[in-house]
Amino acid sequence: MDDREVHDELPEDLDRGFVGAYKFPDNKRRRTTGLLYLFVAICVGTWALLVDGEPVLINRGLIFGCAALGLFGLYSLLAGRAFGLDESAALVAANRAVGFPVGHASAQLGWRGLTSRPTWKMLVYSAEDPPVNRGLVLVDAIDGTIVEFFVEENPEDWIQTSGSENGAESSD
């Protein structure tokens, strides 16, 4: 194989040059690393316990390290729950929560709590031009419940966005 044919490439779901509808990577990918952590912890821990004699490189620290790696593997399995809804379904839930028709919106995925429960953070604006209201809605990404929401009148000073005659002044 020619060296010019070998190159690194990002996975399709992480390519920032992608144009189109973006699909967030599912949280259940954490399970793979959790299983690998558990596998390594069990293999190395079993080997360390079964080795004969008193080898120089095996001591209690290795056993404690395997236990810590195993606990982190269990945590990764617990935190690797699959999404119950995507950003479109979260937008529908946010629209119901705020009580006004949503125009522009932005979705961000975050995690909350000790078990890293995935949560959609939806910033929504009302459908008027310029928007009269805005809201922030936290939607649980597993079961779709509204964790919290905040709605207020839009305090931002908007310039004319409709493209009418009252646009920017010229500097003639």
C-alpha atoms as a PDB file:
ATOM      1  CA  MET A   1       0.000   0.000   0.000  1.00  0.00           C
ATOM      2  CA  ASP A   2       1.300   3.405  -0.968  1.00  0.00           C
ATOM      3  CA  ASP A   3       1.965   5.899   1.865  1.00  0.00           C
ATOM      4  CA  ARG A   4      -0.185   8.493   0.062  1.00  0.00           C
ATOM      5  CA  GLU A   5      -3.226   6.217   0.451  1.00  0.00           C
ATOM      6  CA  VAL A   6      -2.905   6.076   4.254  1.00  0.00           C
ATOM      7  CA  HIS A   7      -4.490   9.030   6.080  1.00  0.00           C
ATOM      8  CA  ASP A   8      -6.399   9.820   9.234  1.00  0.00           C
ATOM      9  CA  GLU A   9     -10.067  10.646   8.988  1.00  0.00           C
ATOM     10  CA  LEU A  10     -12.627  11.657  11.588  1.00  0.00           C
ATOM     11  CA  PRO A  11     -15.657   9.440  12.010  1.00  0.00           C
ATOM     12  CA  GLU A  12     -18.654  10.700  10.072  1.00  0.00           C
ATOM     13  CA  ASP A  13     -20.539  11.786  13.212  1.00  0.00           C
ATOM     14  CA  LEU A  14     -17.641  14.006  14.359  1.00  0.00           C
ATOM     15  CA  ASP A  15     -16.757  15.681  11.036  1.00  0.00           C
ATOM     16  CA  ARG A  16     -17.194  19.433  11.534  1.00  0.00           C
ATOM     17  CA  GLY A  17     -17.319  20.023   7.785  1.00  0.00           C
ATOM     18  CA  PHE A  18     -20.538  18.019   7.520  1.00  0.00           C
ATOM     19  CA  VAL A  19     -23.390  19.880   5.866  1.00  0.00           C
ATOM     20  CA  GLY A  20     -26.925  18.741   6.637  1.00  0.00           C
ATOM     21  CA  ALA A  21     -28.999  17.681   9.591  1.00  0.00           C
ATOM     22  CA  TYR A  22     -26.638  16.876  12.458  1.00  0.00           C
ATOM     23  CA  LYS A  23     -27.361  13.863  14.633  1.00  0.00           C
ATOM     24  CA  PHE A  24     -25.866  14.009  18.113  1.00  0.00           C
ATOM     25  CA  PRO A  25     -23.822  10.904  18.983  1.00  0.00           C
ATOM     26  CA  ASP A  26     -25.803   8.693  21.353  1.00  0.00           C
ATOM     27  CA  ASN A  27     -24.780   8.547  24.991  1.00  0.00           C
ATOM     28  CA  LYS A  28     -24.761   4.736  24.920  1.00  0.00           C
ATOM     29  CA  ARG A  29     -21.289   4.849  23.327  1.00  0.00           C
ATOM     30  CA  ARG A  30     -19.995   5.147  26.905  1.00  0.00           C
ATOM     31  CA  ARG A  31     -20.941   1.496  27.452  1.00  0.00           C
ATOM     32  CA  THR A  32     -18.190   0.314  25.114  1.00  0.00           C
ATOM     33  CA  THR A  33     -15.465   2.024  27.130  1.00  0.00           C
ATOM     34  CA  GLY A  34     -17.094   0.849  30.364  1.00  0.00           C
ATOM     35  CA  LEU A  35     -16.946  -2.762  29.184  1.00  0.00           C
ATOM     36  CA  LEU A  36     -13.298  -2.328  28.159  1.00  0.00           C
ATOM     37  CA  TYR A  37     -12.425  -0.873  31.577  1.00  0.00           C
ATOM     38  CA  LEU A  38     -14.127  -3.798  33.306  1.00  0.00           C
ATOM     39  CA  PHE A  39     -12.416  -6.328  31.045  1.00  0.00           C
ATOM     40  CA  VAL A  40      -8.941  -4.885  31.674  1.00  0.00           C
ATOM     41  CA  ALA A  41      -9.571  -4.585  35.432  1.00  0.00           C
ATOM     42  CA  ILE A  42     -10.746  -8.201  35.686  1.00  0.00           C
ATOM     43  CA  CYS A  43      -7.920  -9.601  33.538  1.00  0.00           C
ATOM     44  CA  VAL A  44      -5.088  -7.688  35.220  1.00  0.00           C
ATOM     45  CA  GLY A  45      -6.587  -8.134  38.704  1.00  0.00           C
ATOM     46  CA  THR A  46      -7.013 -11.887  38.226  1.00  0.00           C
ATOM     47  CA  TRP A  47      -3.490 -12.218  36.864  1.00  0.00           C
ATOM     48  CA  ALA A  48      -2.080 -10.184  39.780  1.00  0.00           C
ATOM     49  CA  LEU A  49      -3.879 -12.358  42.339  1.00  0.00           C
ATOM     50  CA  LEU A  50      -2.888 -15.669  40.735  1.00  0.00           C
ATOM     51  CA  VAL A  51       0.808 -15.002  40.059  1.00  0.00           C
ATOM     52  CA  ASP A  52       3.182 -17.167  42.113  1.00  0.00           C
ATOM     53  CA  GLY A  53       5.872 -15.818  44.416  1.00  0.00           C
ATOM     54  CA  GLU A  54       6.456 -12.152  45.144  1.00  0.00           C
ATOM     55  CA  PRO A  55       7.153 -10.406  41.842  1.00  0.00           C
ATOM     56  CA  VAL A  56       8.655  -6.936  41.979  1.00  0.00           C
ATOM     57  CA  LEU A  57       6.055  -5.222  39.767  1.00  0.00           C
ATOM     58  CA  ILE A  58       2.941  -6.630  41.452  1.00  0.00           C
ATOM     59  CA  ASN A  59       1.818  -5.231  44.801  1.00  0.00           C
ATOM     60  CA  ARG A  60      -1.318  -3.973  46.502  1.00  0.00           C
ATOM     61  CA  GLY A  61      -1.242  -0.773  44.436  1.00  0.00           C
ATOM     62  CA  LEU A  62      -1.936  -2.765  41.281  1.00  0.00           C
ATOM     63  CA  ILE A  63      -4.921  -4.442  42.939  1.00  0.00           C
ATOM     64  CA  PHE A  64      -6.263  -1.054  44.129  1.00  0.00           C
ATOM     65  CA  GLY A  65      -5.764   0.331  40.613  1.00  0.00           C
ATOM     66  CA  CYS A  66      -7.746  -2.569  39.142  1.00  0.00           C
ATOM     67  CA  ALA A  67     -10.520  -2.002  41.683  1.00  0.00           C
ATOM     68  CA  ALA A  68     -10.651   1.719  40.815  1.00  0.00           C
ATOM     69  CA  LEU A  69     -10.688   0.934  37.086  1.00  0.00           C
ATOM     70  CA  GLY A  70     -13.477  -1.594  37.654  1.00  0.00           C
ATOM     71  CA  LEU A  71     -15.539   0.953  39.607  1.00  0.00           C
ATOM     72  CA  PHE A  72     -15.067   3.509  36.849  1.00  0.00           C
ATOM     73  CA  GLY A  73     -16.124   0.864  34.316  1.00  0.00           C
ATOM     74  CA  LEU A  74     -19.323   0.274  36.295  1.00  0.00           C
ATOM     75  CA  TYR A  75     -19.923   4.031  36.433  1.00  0.00           C
ATOM     76  CA  SER A  76     -19.468   4.254  32.644  1.00  0.00           C
ATOM     77  CA  LEU A  77     -22.039   1.493  32.172  1.00  0.00           C
ATOM     78  CA  LEU A  78     -24.473   3.310  34.466  1.00  0.00           C
ATOM     79  CA  ALA A  79     -23.926   6.683  32.770  1.00  0.00           C
ATOM     80  CA  GLY A  80     -24.204   5.217  29.261  1.00  0.00           C
ATOM     81  CA  ARG A  81     -27.976   5.274  29.008  1.00  0.00           C
ATOM     82  CA  ALA A  82     -29.459   5.627  25.530  1.00  0.00           C
ATOM     83  CA  PHE A  83     -31.345   8.768  24.533  1.00  0.00           C
ATOM     84  CA  GLY A  84     -35.105   8.542  24.626  1.00  0.00           C
ATOM     85  CA  LEU A  85     -35.575  11.568  22.372  1.00  0.00           C
ATOM     86  CA  ASP A  86     -33.538  13.593  19.920  1.00  0.00           C
ATOM     87  CA  GLU A  87     -33.257  17.378  19.644  1.00  0.00           C
ATOM     88  CA  SER A  88     -36.395  17.623  17.472  1.00  0.00           C
ATOM     89  CA  ALA A  89     -38.547  15.864  20.071  1.00  0.00           C
ATOM     90  CA  ALA A  90     -36.934  18.014  22.782  1.00  0.00           C
ATOM     91  CA  LEU A  91     -37.919  21.122  20.805  1.00  0.00           C
ATOM     92  CA  VAL A  92     -41.534  19.918  20.707  1.00  0.00           C
ATOM     93  CA  ALA A  93     -41.464  19.390  24.494  1.00  0.00           C
ATOM     94  CA  ALA A  94     -39.912  22.847  24.983  1.00  0.00           C
ATOM     95  CA  ASN A  95     -42.578  24.399  22.765  1.00  0.00           C
ATOM     96  CA  ARG A  96     -45.305  22.925  24.980  1.00  0.00           C
ATOM     97  CA  ALA A  97     -43.568  24.147  28.156  1.00  0.00           C
ATOM     98  CA  VAL A  98     -43.046  27.810  27.226  1.00  0.00           C
ATOM     99  CA  GLY A  99     -46.607  28.499  26.097  1.00  0.00           C
ATOM    100  CA  PHE A 100     -45.827  30.519  22.960  1.00  0.00           C
ATOM    101  CA  PRO A 101     -45.131  29.524  19.332  1.00  0.00           C
ATOM    102  CA  VAL A 102     -41.392  29.001  18.915  1.00  0.00           C
ATOM    103  CA  GLY A 103     -39.489  30.584  16.042  1.00  0.00           C
ATOM    104  CA  HIS A 104     -35.726  30.350  16.326  1.00  0.00           C
ATOM    105  CA  ALA A 105     -34.265  27.806  18.728  1.00  0.00           C
ATOM    106  CA  SER A 106     -30.935  26.348  19.724  1.00  0.00           C
ATOM    107  CA  ALA A 107     -30.231  22.947  21.279  1.00  0.00           C
ATOM    108  CA  GLN A 108     -27.270  21.982  23.443  1.00  0.00           C
ATOM    109  CA  LEU A 109     -26.689  18.637  25.082  1.00  0.00           C
ATOM    110  CA  GLY A 110     -25.438  18.649  28.665  1.00  0.00           C
ATOM    111  CA  TRP A 111     -25.277  16.257  31.575  1.00  0.00           C
ATOM    112  CA  ARG A 112     -26.552  16.725  35.100  1.00  0.00           C
ATOM    113  CA  GLY A 113     -26.156  14.958  38.379  1.00  0.00           C
ATOM    114  CA  LEU A 114     -23.755  12.346  39.645  1.00  0.00           C
ATOM    115  CA  THR A 115     -24.949   9.775  37.122  1.00  0.00           C
ATOM    116  CA  SER A 116     -24.444  12.186  34.192  1.00  0.00           C
ATOM    117  CA  ARG A 117     -28.059  12.112  33.063  1.00  0.00           C
ATOM    118  CA  PRO A 118     -28.239  13.629  29.543  1.00  0.00           C
ATOM    119  CA  THR A 119     -30.305  16.820  29.314  1.00  0.00           C
ATOM    120  CA  TRP A 120     -31.238  18.986  26.348  1.00  0.00           C
ATOM    121  CA  LYS A 121     -30.820  22.719  26.995  1.00  0.00           C
ATOM    122  CA  MET A 122     -33.193  24.478  24.619  1.00  0.00           C
ATOM    123  CA  LEU A 123     -32.941  28.244  24.068  1.00  0.00           C
ATOM    124  CA  VAL A 124     -36.143  29.293  22.296  1.00  0.00           C
ATOM    125  CA  TYR A 125     -37.429  32.576  20.892  1.00  0.00           C
ATOM    126  CA  SER A 126     -41.025  33.407  20.015  1.00  0.00           C
ATOM    127  CA  ALA A 127     -42.053  33.335  16.361  1.00  0.00           C
ATOM    128  CA  GLU A 128     -42.617  37.124  15.992  1.00  0.00           C
ATOM    129  CA  ASP A 129     -40.127  39.305  14.119  1.00  0.00           C
ATOM    130  CA  PRO A 130     -38.427  40.544  16.283  1.00  0.00           C
ATOM    131  CA  PRO A 131     -39.116  37.971  19.000  1.00  0.00           C
ATOM    132  CA  VAL A 132     -41.173  39.240  21.939  1.00  0.00           C
ATOM    133  CA  ASN A 133     -40.385  36.367  24.339  1.00  0.00           C
ATOM    134  CA  ARG A 134     -37.540  33.998  24.959  1.00  0.00           C
ATOM    135  CA  GLY A 135     -37.140  30.965  27.152  1.00  0.00           C
ATOM    136  CA  LEU A 136     -34.670  28.407  28.421  1.00  0.00           C
ATOM    137  CA  VAL A 137     -36.010  24.880  28.821  1.00  0.00           C
ATOM    138  CA  LEU A 138     -34.157  21.865  30.253  1.00  0.00           C
ATOM    139  CA  VAL A 139     -35.576  18.636  28.829  1.00  0.00           C
ATOM    140  CA  ASP A 140     -34.509  15.221  30.126  1.00  0.00           C
ATOM    141  CA  ALA A 141     -33.022  13.376  27.123  1.00  0.00           C
ATOM    142  CA  ILE A 142     -34.012   9.937  28.410  1.00  0.00           C
ATOM    143  CA  ASP A 143     -37.705  10.267  29.268  1.00  0.00           C
ATOM    144  CA  GLY A 144     -38.586  13.721  27.867  1.00  0.00           C
ATOM    145  CA  THR A 145     -39.756  15.312  31.104  1.00  0.00           C
ATOM    146  CA  ILE A 146     -39.298  19.040  31.610  1.00  0.00           C
ATOM    147  CA  VAL A 147     -36.633  19.448  34.289  1.00  0.00           C
ATOM    148  CA  GLU A 148     -36.918  23.216  34.516  1.00  0.00           C
ATOM    149  CA  PHE A 149     -37.914  26.184  32.369  1.00  0.00           C
ATOM    150  CA  PHE A 150     -37.647  29.957  32.443  1.00  0.00           C
ATOM    151  CA  VAL A 151     -39.580  32.390  30.226  1.00  0.00           C
ATOM    152  CA  GLU A 152     -39.202  36.173  29.999  1.00  0.00           C
ATOM    153  CA  GLU A 153     -39.880  39.073  27.683  1.00  0.00           C
ATOM    154  CA  ASN A 154     -37.002  39.444  25.281  1.00  0.00           C
ATOM    155  CA  PRO A 155     -34.733  42.184  26.740  1.00  0.00           C
ATOM    156  CA  GLU A 156     -32.455  42.301  23.692  1.00  0.00           C
ATOM    157  CA  ASP A 157     -32.452  45.422  21.528  1.00  0.00           C
ATOM    158  CA  TRP A 158     -33.180  44.097  18.044  1.00  0.00           C
ATOM    159  CA  ILE A 159     -32.438  45.993  14.865  1.00  0.00           C
ATOM    160  CA  GLN A 160     -34.893  45.808  11.982  1.00  0.00           C
ATOM    161  CA  THR A 161     -34.524  42.258  10.593  1.00  0.00           C
ATOM    162  CA  SER A 162     -37.401  42.184   8.123  1.00  0.00           C
ATOM    163  CA  GLY A 163     -35.504  43.987   5.327  1.00  0.00           C
ATOM    164  CA  SER A 164     -37.865  46.991   5.135  1.00  0.00           C
ATOM    165  CA  GLU A 165     -36.973  50.581   4.188  1.00  0.00           C
ATOM    166  CA  ASN A 166     -36.009  51.420   7.782  1.00  0.00           C
ATOM    167  CA  GLY A 167     -32.763  49.487   7.518  1.00  0.00           C
ATOM    168  CA  ALA A 168     -29.267  50.758   8.222  1.00  0.00           C
ATOM    169  CA  GLU A 169     -28.609  54.410   7.470  1.00  0.00           C
ATOM    170  CA  SER A 170     -26.283  55.227   4.622  1.00  0.00           C
ATOM    171  CA  SER A 171     -23.182  57.353   5.148  1.00  0.00           C
ATOM    172  CA  ASP A 172     -23.591  59.608   2.051  1.00  0.00           C
END
